[in-house]
């Protein structure tokens, strides 16, 4: 299984804003809210924390190793296939419902048009492989959620909410990793 840990690098002052409550963030010193710069949702520290504090850790909801990726299949397709073929498909779909895009109509029309064209064959194939069956549109939505939210070692619901900053003040570590490259 894959795990990622978010580790605070510096003690930047917290931003004060009205926060949206997300129950899966309970128990962590973070909040999920709309980002002031760049748009979209992000996870922000909601209190002063010392450098080196682990903000939260999460196990992958779906993990796909290189060996799980089939011939002529991308890693993203393998993750989407794993979700749609899992015996707990309904539970997994419910857990990723809040990820972007929540619905295909959430995408700008130009982005949706390209996604429909580029992924037409893949979404039909995923729909045919799904158990229980889903439509090609539902399969496309799952594939896009994976493409827009997954890390290269798995799909993490909480971590996918992190603001992807060019000058981030947090660092992501895989299982067994520590600051400075030690394990």
Protein backbone atom coordinates (compact mmCIF):
# COMPACT_ATOMS: atom_id res chain seq x y z
CA UNK A 1 0.00 0.00 0.00
CA UNK A 2 1.07 3.57 -0.59
CA UNK A 3 1.06 6.23 2.11
CA UNK A 4 1.85 9.93 1.81
CA UNK A 5 2.66 12.26 4.68
CA UNK A 6 2.43 16.04 4.56
CA UNK A 7 5.25 17.61 6.55
CA UNK A 8 5.34 21.31 7.50
CA UNK A 9 8.60 22.95 6.37
CA UNK A 10 8.31 26.45 7.85
CA UNK A 11 6.15 28.37 10.25
CA UNK A 12 4.31 30.67 7.84
CA UNK A 13 1.47 32.57 9.55
CA UNK A 14 -1.97 31.05 9.08
CA UNK A 15 -4.43 32.79 6.78
CA UNK A 16 -7.71 33.82 8.42
CA UNK A 17 -10.76 32.99 6.28
CA UNK A 18 -14.13 31.44 6.75
CA UNK A 19 -13.59 27.73 6.18
CA UNK A 20 -15.75 25.05 4.68
CA UNK A 21 -16.05 21.93 6.82
CA UNK A 22 -15.05 18.62 5.31
CA UNK A 23 -15.60 15.74 7.77
CA UNK A 24 -12.59 13.80 6.46
CA UNK A 25 -10.34 16.65 7.63
CA UNK A 26 -11.57 16.38 11.26
CA UNK A 27 -8.79 15.77 13.73
CA UNK A 28 -6.12 17.47 11.60
CA UNK A 29 -4.83 21.08 12.01
CA UNK A 30 -6.01 21.87 8.48
CA UNK A 31 -9.06 23.18 6.71
CA UNK A 32 -10.34 22.87 3.17
CA UNK A 33 -11.52 26.06 1.50
CA UNK A 34 -11.53 28.01 -1.74
CA UNK A 35 -8.06 29.32 -2.57
CA UNK A 36 -7.71 33.11 -2.73
CA UNK A 37 -5.13 32.90 -5.55
CA UNK A 38 -5.41 30.60 -8.55
CA UNK A 39 -8.93 29.40 -7.81
CA UNK A 40 -10.07 25.96 -6.78
CA UNK A 41 -10.12 24.33 -3.39
CA UNK A 42 -7.09 23.86 -1.22
CA UNK A 43 -6.04 22.53 2.16
CA UNK A 44 -4.59 25.14 4.48
CA UNK A 45 -3.11 25.01 7.98
CA UNK A 46 -5.65 26.59 10.34
CA UNK A 47 -3.35 27.28 13.29
CA UNK A 48 0.30 28.08 13.98
CA UNK A 49 2.36 24.91 13.82
CA UNK A 50 6.10 24.49 14.34
CA UNK A 51 8.33 23.52 11.44
CA UNK A 52 8.64 19.74 11.18
CA UNK A 53 5.05 19.04 12.28
CA UNK A 54 3.30 16.25 10.40
CA UNK A 55 0.04 17.84 9.28
CA UNK A 56 -1.65 14.63 8.21
CA UNK A 57 -0.96 11.24 6.73
CA UNK A 58 -3.16 9.19 4.44
CA UNK A 59 -3.20 5.72 2.97
CA UNK A 60 -4.02 5.52 -0.73
CA UNK A 61 -7.69 4.87 -1.47
CA UNK A 62 -6.54 3.10 -4.62
CA UNK A 63 -2.99 1.94 -5.26
CA UNK A 64 -1.71 0.61 -8.57
CA UNK A 65 1.87 -0.61 -8.95
CA UNK A 66 3.78 -0.66 -12.23
CA UNK A 67 3.08 -4.40 -12.41
CA UNK A 68 -0.70 -3.74 -12.28
CA UNK A 69 -0.60 -1.62 -15.44
CA UNK A 70 -1.58 -3.70 -18.47
CA UNK A 71 0.06 -3.59 -21.87
CA UNK A 72 -0.99 -0.46 -23.82
CA UNK A 73 -2.60 0.99 -20.67
CA UNK A 74 -1.54 4.18 -18.91
CA UNK A 75 -1.18 4.32 -15.14
CA UNK A 76 -4.27 6.58 -14.95
CA UNK A 77 -6.32 4.05 -16.91
CA UNK A 78 -5.14 1.28 -14.57
CA UNK A 79 -6.29 3.26 -11.52
CA UNK A 80 -9.68 4.03 -13.11
CA UNK A 81 -10.05 0.36 -14.11
CA UNK A 82 -9.22 -0.74 -10.56
CA UNK A 83 -11.95 1.56 -9.19
CA UNK A 84 -14.56 0.41 -11.71
CA UNK A 85 -13.78 -3.31 -11.37
CA UNK A 86 -13.49 -3.38 -7.58
CA UNK A 87 -16.09 -5.35 -5.64
CA UNK A 88 -16.48 -2.16 -3.56
CA UNK A 89 -17.03 0.02 -6.63
CA UNK A 90 -20.02 1.90 -5.17
CA UNK A 91 -18.08 2.76 -1.99
CA UNK A 92 -15.03 3.95 -3.95
CA UNK A 93 -17.20 6.07 -6.27
CA UNK A 94 -18.88 7.65 -3.24
CA UNK A 95 -15.49 8.46 -1.68
CA UNK A 96 -14.19 10.18 -4.82
CA UNK A 97 -17.45 12.00 -5.60
CA UNK A 98 -16.14 15.29 -4.18
CA UNK A 99 -13.03 15.29 -6.36
CA UNK A 100 -12.87 17.53 -9.42
CA UNK A 101 -14.68 17.21 -11.75
CA UNK A 102 -17.68 16.25 -9.65
CA UNK A 103 -19.66 16.12 -12.91
CA UNK A 104 -18.51 16.42 -16.50
CA UNK A 105 -20.49 19.67 -16.81
CA UNK A 106 -18.11 21.18 -14.19
CA UNK A 107 -15.44 21.33 -16.90
CA UNK A 108 -15.17 24.25 -19.34
CA UNK A 109 -16.81 23.24 -22.61
CA UNK A 110 -13.50 23.37 -24.48
CA UNK A 111 -11.83 21.04 -21.94
CA UNK A 112 -14.78 18.65 -22.01
CA UNK A 113 -14.73 18.55 -25.82
CA UNK A 114 -11.04 17.61 -25.83
CA UNK A 115 -11.56 15.02 -23.06
CA UNK A 116 -14.45 13.42 -24.96
CA UNK A 117 -12.35 13.24 -28.11
CA UNK A 118 -9.07 12.07 -26.53
CA UNK A 119 -10.65 9.55 -24.15
CA UNK A 120 -13.61 8.26 -26.21
CA UNK A 121 -12.14 4.80 -26.78
CA UNK A 122 -10.73 4.48 -23.26
CA UNK A 123 -13.97 5.54 -21.55
CA UNK A 124 -16.00 3.02 -23.61
CA UNK A 125 -13.47 0.30 -22.77
CA UNK A 126 -13.58 1.20 -19.06
CA UNK A 127 -17.39 1.20 -19.11
CA UNK A 128 -17.39 -2.29 -20.67
CA UNK A 129 -14.93 -3.59 -18.05
CA UNK A 130 -16.81 -2.10 -15.09
CA UNK A 131 -18.65 -4.39 -12.73
CA UNK A 132 -21.38 -3.40 -12.12
CA UNK A 133 -21.72 -1.61 -15.47
CA UNK A 134 -21.42 2.16 -15.83
CA UNK A 135 -21.96 4.46 -18.79
CA UNK A 136 -19.07 5.73 -20.92
CA UNK A 137 -19.71 9.21 -19.44
CA UNK A 138 -19.44 7.86 -15.88
CA UNK A 139 -16.23 6.03 -16.81
CA UNK A 140 -14.84 9.24 -18.34
CA UNK A 141 -15.65 11.15 -15.15
CA UNK A 142 -13.73 8.56 -13.09
CA UNK A 143 -10.77 8.68 -15.48
CA UNK A 144 -10.67 12.49 -15.33
CA UNK A 145 -10.88 12.46 -11.51
CA UNK A 146 -7.86 10.14 -11.51
CA UNK A 147 -5.93 12.25 -14.04
CA UNK A 148 -6.61 15.49 -12.17
CA UNK A 149 -6.18 14.24 -8.61
CA UNK A 150 -3.91 11.19 -8.36
CA UNK A 151 -0.28 11.11 -7.34
CA UNK A 152 2.05 8.69 -9.12
CA UNK A 153 1.70 6.10 -6.37
CA UNK A 154 -2.05 6.18 -5.78
CA UNK A 155 -5.28 8.09 -5.42
CA UNK A 156 -5.50 9.98 -2.13
CA UNK A 157 -8.77 11.79 -1.39
CA UNK A 158 -7.39 14.22 1.22
CA UNK A 159 -4.06 14.84 -0.47
CA UNK A 160 -5.76 15.56 -3.77
CA UNK A 161 -7.30 18.60 -2.08
CA UNK A 162 -3.89 20.19 -1.51
CA UNK A 163 -3.17 23.43 -3.31
CA UNK A 164 -0.45 22.73 -5.85
CA UNK A 165 1.80 25.70 -5.16
CA UNK A 166 4.96 26.57 -7.07
CA UNK A 167 6.52 27.76 -3.81
CA UNK A 168 4.97 25.34 -1.38
CA UNK A 169 5.79 25.49 2.32
CA UNK A 170 5.02 21.79 2.80
CA UNK A 171 6.70 18.65 1.57
CA UNK A 172 5.13 15.30 0.68
CA UNK A 173 6.90 12.13 1.79
CA UNK A 174 6.16 8.56 0.83
CA UNK A 175 5.92 5.74 3.36
CA UNK A 176 9.22 5.29 5.20
CA UNK A 177 10.72 8.56 3.89
CA UNK A 178 11.84 11.42 6.10
CA UNK A 179 13.16 14.93 5.63
CA UNK A 180 16.66 14.93 4.16
CA UNK A 181 16.11 11.68 2.29
CA UNK A 182 16.52 9.32 5.26
CA UNK A 183 14.20 6.37 5.75
